[in-house]
Protein backbone atom coordinates (compact mmCIF):
# COMPACT_ATOMS: atom_id res chain seq x y z
CA MET A 1 -8.74 69.09 -8.13
CA PHE A 2 -7.90 70.07 -4.53
CA GLU A 3 -4.39 70.87 -3.55
CA GLN A 4 -4.19 68.38 -0.80
CA ASP A 5 -5.27 65.54 -3.46
CA VAL A 6 -2.46 66.13 -5.99
CA VAL A 7 -0.83 63.04 -6.80
CA LYS A 8 3.00 63.51 -6.74
CA PRO A 9 5.16 62.75 -10.16
CA GLY A 10 6.75 59.70 -8.53
CA PHE A 11 3.46 58.07 -7.92
CA ILE A 12 2.27 58.84 -11.58
CA PHE A 13 5.55 57.31 -13.13
CA GLY A 14 5.04 54.20 -10.69
CA TYR A 15 1.52 53.73 -11.86
CA ILE A 16 2.37 53.81 -15.47
CA LEU A 17 5.05 51.30 -15.06
CA SER A 18 3.03 48.99 -12.95
CA LEU A 19 0.13 49.11 -15.65
CA LEU A 20 2.24 48.51 -18.46
CA ALA A 21 4.14 45.70 -16.66
CA LEU A 22 1.00 43.94 -15.57
CA SER A 23 -0.81 44.44 -18.80
CA TRP A 24 2.10 43.11 -20.90
CA GLY A 25 2.69 40.29 -18.34
CA VAL A 26 -0.77 39.01 -18.51
CA THR A 27 -0.74 39.28 -22.20
CA GLY A 28 2.57 37.29 -22.11
CA LEU A 29 1.01 34.56 -19.71
CA ALA A 30 -1.94 34.12 -22.26
CA PHE A 31 0.46 33.85 -25.23
CA ALA A 32 2.34 31.00 -23.44
CA GLY A 33 -0.47 29.32 -22.84
CA ILE A 34 -0.35 29.68 -18.78
CA LEU A 35 -3.52 31.76 -18.70
CA PRO A 36 -6.56 30.95 -20.84
CA ALA A 37 -6.89 33.56 -23.79
CA SER A 38 -10.15 34.82 -22.19
CA GLY A 39 -7.93 35.93 -19.11
CA ILE A 40 -6.72 38.98 -21.18
CA ALA A 41 -10.06 40.49 -20.16
CA ILE A 42 -8.63 41.31 -16.57
CA ILE A 43 -6.33 44.07 -18.44
CA ALA A 44 -9.63 46.36 -18.75
CA PHE A 45 -9.70 46.07 -14.74
CA LEU A 46 -6.15 46.80 -13.95
CA PRO A 47 -6.24 50.75 -14.44
CA GLY A 48 -8.81 51.21 -11.62
CA ILE A 49 -7.43 48.56 -9.30
CA LEU A 50 -3.86 50.11 -9.52
CA ALA A 51 -5.57 53.65 -9.09
CA PHE A 52 -6.98 52.60 -6.02
CA LEU A 53 -3.92 50.89 -4.54
CA PHE A 54 -1.86 54.18 -5.41
CA LEU A 55 -4.06 56.49 -3.99
CA SER A 56 -4.04 54.21 -0.75
CA PHE A 57 -0.22 54.14 -0.78
CA GLU A 58 -0.38 58.13 -0.68
CA ASP A 59 -2.64 57.86 2.05
CA HIS A 60 -5.57 59.71 0.47
CA PRO A 61 -8.99 59.91 2.47
CA ILE A 62 -11.89 57.46 1.19
CA GLU A 63 -13.68 60.51 -0.04
CA VAL A 64 -10.75 60.98 -2.61
CA HIS A 65 -11.28 57.73 -3.69
CA ALA A 66 -14.88 58.08 -4.21
CA ARG A 67 -14.91 61.56 -5.83
CA PRO A 68 -14.39 60.42 -9.29
CA LEU A 69 -17.53 58.43 -8.86
CA LEU A 70 -19.77 60.50 -6.78
CA GLY A 71 -18.89 64.13 -8.50
CA PRO A 72 -21.89 65.85 -10.23
CA VAL A 73 -22.84 64.74 -13.66
CA ARG A 74 -23.21 67.33 -15.86
CA ALA A 75 -25.41 67.40 -19.07
CA PRO A 76 -22.93 68.57 -21.80
CA ALA A 77 -20.62 65.45 -20.81
CA VAL A 78 -23.51 62.91 -20.99
CA ILE A 79 -24.40 64.57 -24.46
CA LEU A 80 -20.98 63.98 -25.85
CA ALA A 81 -20.70 60.46 -24.35
CA VAL A 82 -23.60 59.56 -26.51
CA ALA A 83 -22.98 61.71 -29.38
CA TYR A 84 -19.49 61.02 -30.10
CA PRO A 85 -19.88 57.18 -30.72
CA PHE A 86 -22.67 57.64 -33.23
CA LEU A 87 -20.50 60.74 -34.87
CA LEU A 88 -17.40 58.50 -35.15
CA LEU A 89 -19.04 55.38 -36.46
CA GLY A 90 -21.70 57.21 -38.39
CA LEU A 91 -19.15 59.15 -40.51
CA ALA A 92 -16.87 56.16 -40.92
CA ALA A 93 -19.95 54.34 -42.18
CA PHE A 94 -20.71 57.11 -44.28
CA VAL A 95 -17.29 57.47 -45.79
CA ALA A 96 -17.14 53.51 -46.30
CA LEU A 97 -20.47 53.40 -48.38
CA GLY A 98 -19.90 56.90 -50.20
CA THR A 99 -16.50 55.71 -51.62
CA GLY A 100 -17.25 52.14 -52.37
CA LEU A 101 -14.96 50.98 -49.67
CA GLY A 102 -17.87 49.50 -47.74
CA TYR A 103 -21.27 47.59 -48.17
CA LEU A 104 -24.09 46.76 -46.13
CA ASN A 105 -24.49 43.76 -44.46
CA THR A 106 -28.24 43.35 -44.45
CA GLY A 107 -29.55 41.31 -41.65
CA THR A 108 -26.27 40.31 -40.11
CA GLY A 109 -25.82 42.55 -37.34
CA PRO A 110 -26.88 41.74 -33.83
CA GLY A 111 -30.41 42.37 -32.35
CA ILE A 112 -31.42 44.79 -29.96
CA ALA A 113 -31.53 42.53 -27.15
CA ALA A 114 -27.99 41.46 -27.94
CA LEU A 115 -26.93 44.93 -28.01
CA ALA A 116 -28.79 45.81 -24.55
CA ALA A 117 -26.95 42.78 -22.90
CA GLY A 118 -23.64 43.83 -24.37
CA PHE A 119 -23.85 47.34 -23.12
CA LEU A 120 -24.81 46.12 -19.61
CA LEU A 121 -21.82 43.60 -19.58
CA ALA A 122 -19.35 46.28 -20.88
CA ILE A 123 -20.39 48.71 -18.01
CA PRO A 124 -18.31 47.14 -15.19
CA ALA A 125 -15.15 46.82 -17.15
CA SER A 126 -15.52 50.26 -18.56
CA LEU A 127 -16.19 51.79 -15.20
CA VAL A 128 -13.00 50.25 -13.58
CA GLN A 129 -11.05 51.34 -16.53
CA GLU A 130 -12.14 54.72 -16.58
CA TYR A 131 -11.39 55.08 -12.82
CA GLY A 132 -7.95 54.27 -13.49
CA TYR A 133 -7.45 56.60 -16.84
CA ARG A 134 -9.67 59.47 -16.28
CA GLY A 135 -10.53 59.38 -12.50
CA TYR A 136 -6.78 58.89 -11.34
CA LEU A 137 -4.12 59.47 -14.02
CA LEU A 138 -5.81 62.24 -16.39
CA PRO A 139 -6.54 64.83 -13.53
CA SER A 140 -3.04 64.00 -12.04
CA LEU A 141 -1.23 64.69 -15.20
CA THR A 142 -3.40 67.89 -16.00
CA TYR A 143 -2.43 69.39 -12.77
CA TRP A 144 1.17 68.92 -13.78
CA GLU A 145 1.25 69.00 -17.60
CA GLY A 146 -1.86 70.61 -18.87
CA ARG A 147 -4.87 69.37 -20.75
CA PHE A 148 -3.29 68.44 -24.19
CA PRO A 149 -0.03 66.69 -22.89
CA ALA A 150 -2.12 64.74 -20.25
CA THR A 151 -4.74 63.71 -22.68
CA LEU A 152 -1.89 62.40 -25.13
CA TRP A 153 0.04 60.66 -22.21
CA ALA A 154 -2.98 58.98 -21.15
CA GLY A 155 -4.01 57.80 -24.39
CA VAL A 156 -0.60 56.61 -25.35
CA LEU A 157 -0.65 54.54 -22.08
CA TRP A 158 -3.97 53.33 -22.81
CA GLY A 159 -3.08 52.23 -26.56
CA LEU A 160 0.26 50.44 -24.99
CA ALA A 161 -1.62 48.59 -22.31
CA MET A 162 -4.14 47.15 -24.72
CA ALA A 163 -1.74 46.78 -27.93
CA PRO A 164 -0.28 43.59 -27.14
CA ALA A 165 -3.41 42.08 -26.15
CA SER A 166 -5.23 43.22 -29.33
CA TYR A 167 -2.34 41.47 -31.33
CA LEU A 168 -2.83 38.23 -29.54
CA VAL A 169 -6.68 38.27 -30.29
CA LEU A 170 -6.02 39.14 -33.67
CA ALA A 171 -3.34 36.91 -34.34
CA GLY A 172 -5.36 33.85 -32.88
CA ALA A 173 -8.37 34.78 -34.88
CA GLY A 174 -6.39 34.59 -38.10
CA THR A 175 -6.66 38.17 -39.20
CA ALA A 176 -4.57 39.17 -41.91
CA ASP A 177 -1.39 41.21 -40.92
CA PRO A 178 -2.33 41.32 -37.07
CA LEU A 179 0.69 43.47 -36.17
CA SER A 180 -0.17 46.40 -38.39
CA ILE A 181 -3.74 46.33 -37.35
CA ALA A 182 -2.91 46.28 -33.67
CA ALA A 183 -0.41 49.18 -34.44
CA LEU A 184 -3.37 51.06 -36.22
CA GLY A 185 -5.41 50.05 -32.94
CA PHE A 186 -2.80 51.82 -30.59
CA ILE A 187 -3.14 55.14 -32.61
CA LEU A 188 -6.97 54.91 -32.66
CA THR A 189 -6.88 54.39 -28.81
CA ALA A 190 -4.73 57.56 -28.44
CA ALA A 191 -6.93 59.43 -31.06
CA VAL A 192 -10.11 58.41 -29.36
CA ALA A 193 -8.85 59.47 -25.62
CA PHE A 194 -9.12 63.24 -26.77
CA ALA A 195 -13.06 62.73 -26.58
CA PHE A 196 -12.83 60.73 -23.54
CA SER A 197 -10.74 63.55 -21.71
CA ALA A 198 -13.16 66.26 -23.18
CA CYS A 199 -16.08 64.07 -21.81
CA TYR A 200 -14.26 64.09 -18.34
CA TYR A 201 -13.44 67.80 -18.32
CA LEU A 202 -16.81 68.59 -19.06
CA SER A 203 -18.28 66.90 -15.64
CA GLU A 204 -17.03 65.98 -12.27
CA SER A 205 -17.76 62.42 -12.68
CA ILE A 206 -16.54 59.45 -14.65
CA LEU A 207 -19.90 58.16 -15.17
CA PRO A 208 -20.37 59.99 -18.52
CA VAL A 209 -17.09 58.95 -19.64
CA THR A 210 -17.89 55.22 -18.54
CA LEU A 211 -21.22 55.78 -20.70
CA MET A 212 -18.84 56.49 -23.88
CA ASN A 213 -16.55 53.68 -23.12
CA ALA A 214 -19.24 51.22 -23.02
CA LEU A 215 -21.32 52.51 -26.14
CA LEU A 216 -18.19 52.39 -28.17
CA THR A 217 -17.31 48.76 -26.89
CA VAL A 218 -20.65 47.49 -28.08
CA ALA A 219 -21.18 49.80 -31.10
CA MET A 220 -18.10 49.33 -32.84
CA PRO A 221 -18.28 45.52 -33.53
CA ALA A 222 -22.02 46.15 -33.96
CA VAL A 223 -21.56 48.53 -36.94
CA PHE A 224 -18.65 47.11 -38.59
CA ALA A 225 -17.42 43.69 -39.62
CA ALA A 226 -16.18 41.32 -36.88
CA THR A 227 -12.88 41.02 -38.22
CA TRP A 228 -11.66 44.28 -36.48
CA ASN A 229 -11.88 42.61 -33.22
CA PRO A 230 -13.23 39.38 -32.85
CA VAL A 231 -14.03 39.41 -29.06
CA GLY A 232 -17.53 39.63 -28.21
CA ALA A 233 -18.40 40.77 -31.79
CA ALA A 234 -21.39 39.88 -33.89
CA PRO A 235 -20.85 37.42 -36.73
CA GLY A 236 -21.10 40.40 -39.03
CA GLY A 237 -21.41 44.04 -38.65
CA ILE A 238 -23.82 46.13 -40.40
CA ILE A 239 -21.00 47.56 -42.50
CA GLY A 240 -18.50 45.38 -44.05
CA VAL A 241 -15.46 46.75 -45.81
CA THR A 242 -13.27 45.81 -48.48
CA TRP A 243 -9.89 46.45 -46.75
CA PRO A 244 -8.70 43.65 -44.39
CA SER A 245 -10.02 45.59 -41.46
CA PRO A 246 -11.99 48.89 -40.88
CA VAL A 247 -9.59 49.97 -38.26
CA PRO A 248 -7.80 52.38 -40.65
CA LEU A 249 -11.09 54.03 -41.69
CA ILE A 250 -12.22 54.88 -38.21
CA LEU A 251 -8.70 56.05 -37.36
CA LEU A 252 -9.14 58.65 -40.09
CA ILE A 253 -12.21 59.92 -38.53
CA ALA A 254 -11.02 59.88 -34.96
CA LEU A 255 -7.90 61.75 -36.32
CA ALA A 256 -10.15 64.31 -37.69
CA PHE A 257 -11.90 65.14 -34.22
CA VAL A 258 -8.42 65.51 -32.62
CA PRO A 259 -7.94 69.33 -33.69
CA VAL A 260 -11.44 69.96 -32.32
CA PHE A 261 -10.83 68.41 -29.05
CA ALA A 262 -7.35 70.40 -28.98
CA TRP A 263 -8.97 73.68 -29.52
CA PHE A 264 -11.85 72.89 -27.06
CA PHE A 265 -8.96 72.00 -24.61
CA SER A 266 -7.07 75.74 -25.29
CA ALA A 267 -10.48 77.56 -25.19
CA MET A 268 -11.37 76.09 -21.63
CA ASP A 269 -10.02 78.15 -18.59
CA GLY A 270 -7.13 77.16 -16.25
CA GLU A 271 -9.21 75.28 -13.78
CA VAL A 272 -8.98 71.50 -14.19
CA GLY A 273 -12.45 70.02 -15.38
CA GLY A 274 -14.02 68.52 -11.89
CA ASP A 275 -12.36 68.28 -8.88
CA ALA A 276 -11.91 64.66 -9.34
CA LEU A 277 -9.36 62.37 -7.73
């Protein structure tokens, strides 16, 4: 990060409060029936929109706005972006089948064309979301707090912004105990954020992180049964689980990766990964 591009703590705090207020406000409007349930999809775009506005409030030049998008993309970041979703979901599926907690739903998963279409549709929201969380917030927090605290704060904010909407979707779909699953989903989001931060730190662009986001968005409901998140999911994933939701299983695998990424952060030198912001 360039010294003149540093975001002051007051702007970071304002960004966090604004994102939570707007995310929860949109969810409240959908819950009250004022906004269509599909309207909660706008929550994914709020981080990037607010990041652009806050950068403008602080009078950063246009190249600062563009730097998260136009920075060089490094191969290790792309490799991690592709490998992590497969490792996370592959290990979760392996544990599910190996312990008898899961079973194969043969013939129920989406086709290649549906997966490709879903991936392309997920890219715009993933890109705008990552512009906010990893293009704006993460490097700002990293400058002031360091990699591990910055990742934790960004992950907690990400989870808090999405948790009410997740509960609303799960409750509307008739999912058993939607509050508990939404709470576990919040922890899962915070845990997955460590992989997203590592992907960002390995590059100078948010494009690899966007790839990881889009892949996970499509792969999770494709691999596991749709009950974990009914929005946009196939009628049934490749793997079914005997629990009410596969979220606890995926969470256990995601938490197992956290110490690995924490070690990776500590092993890196003191320079913020990328000059993004």
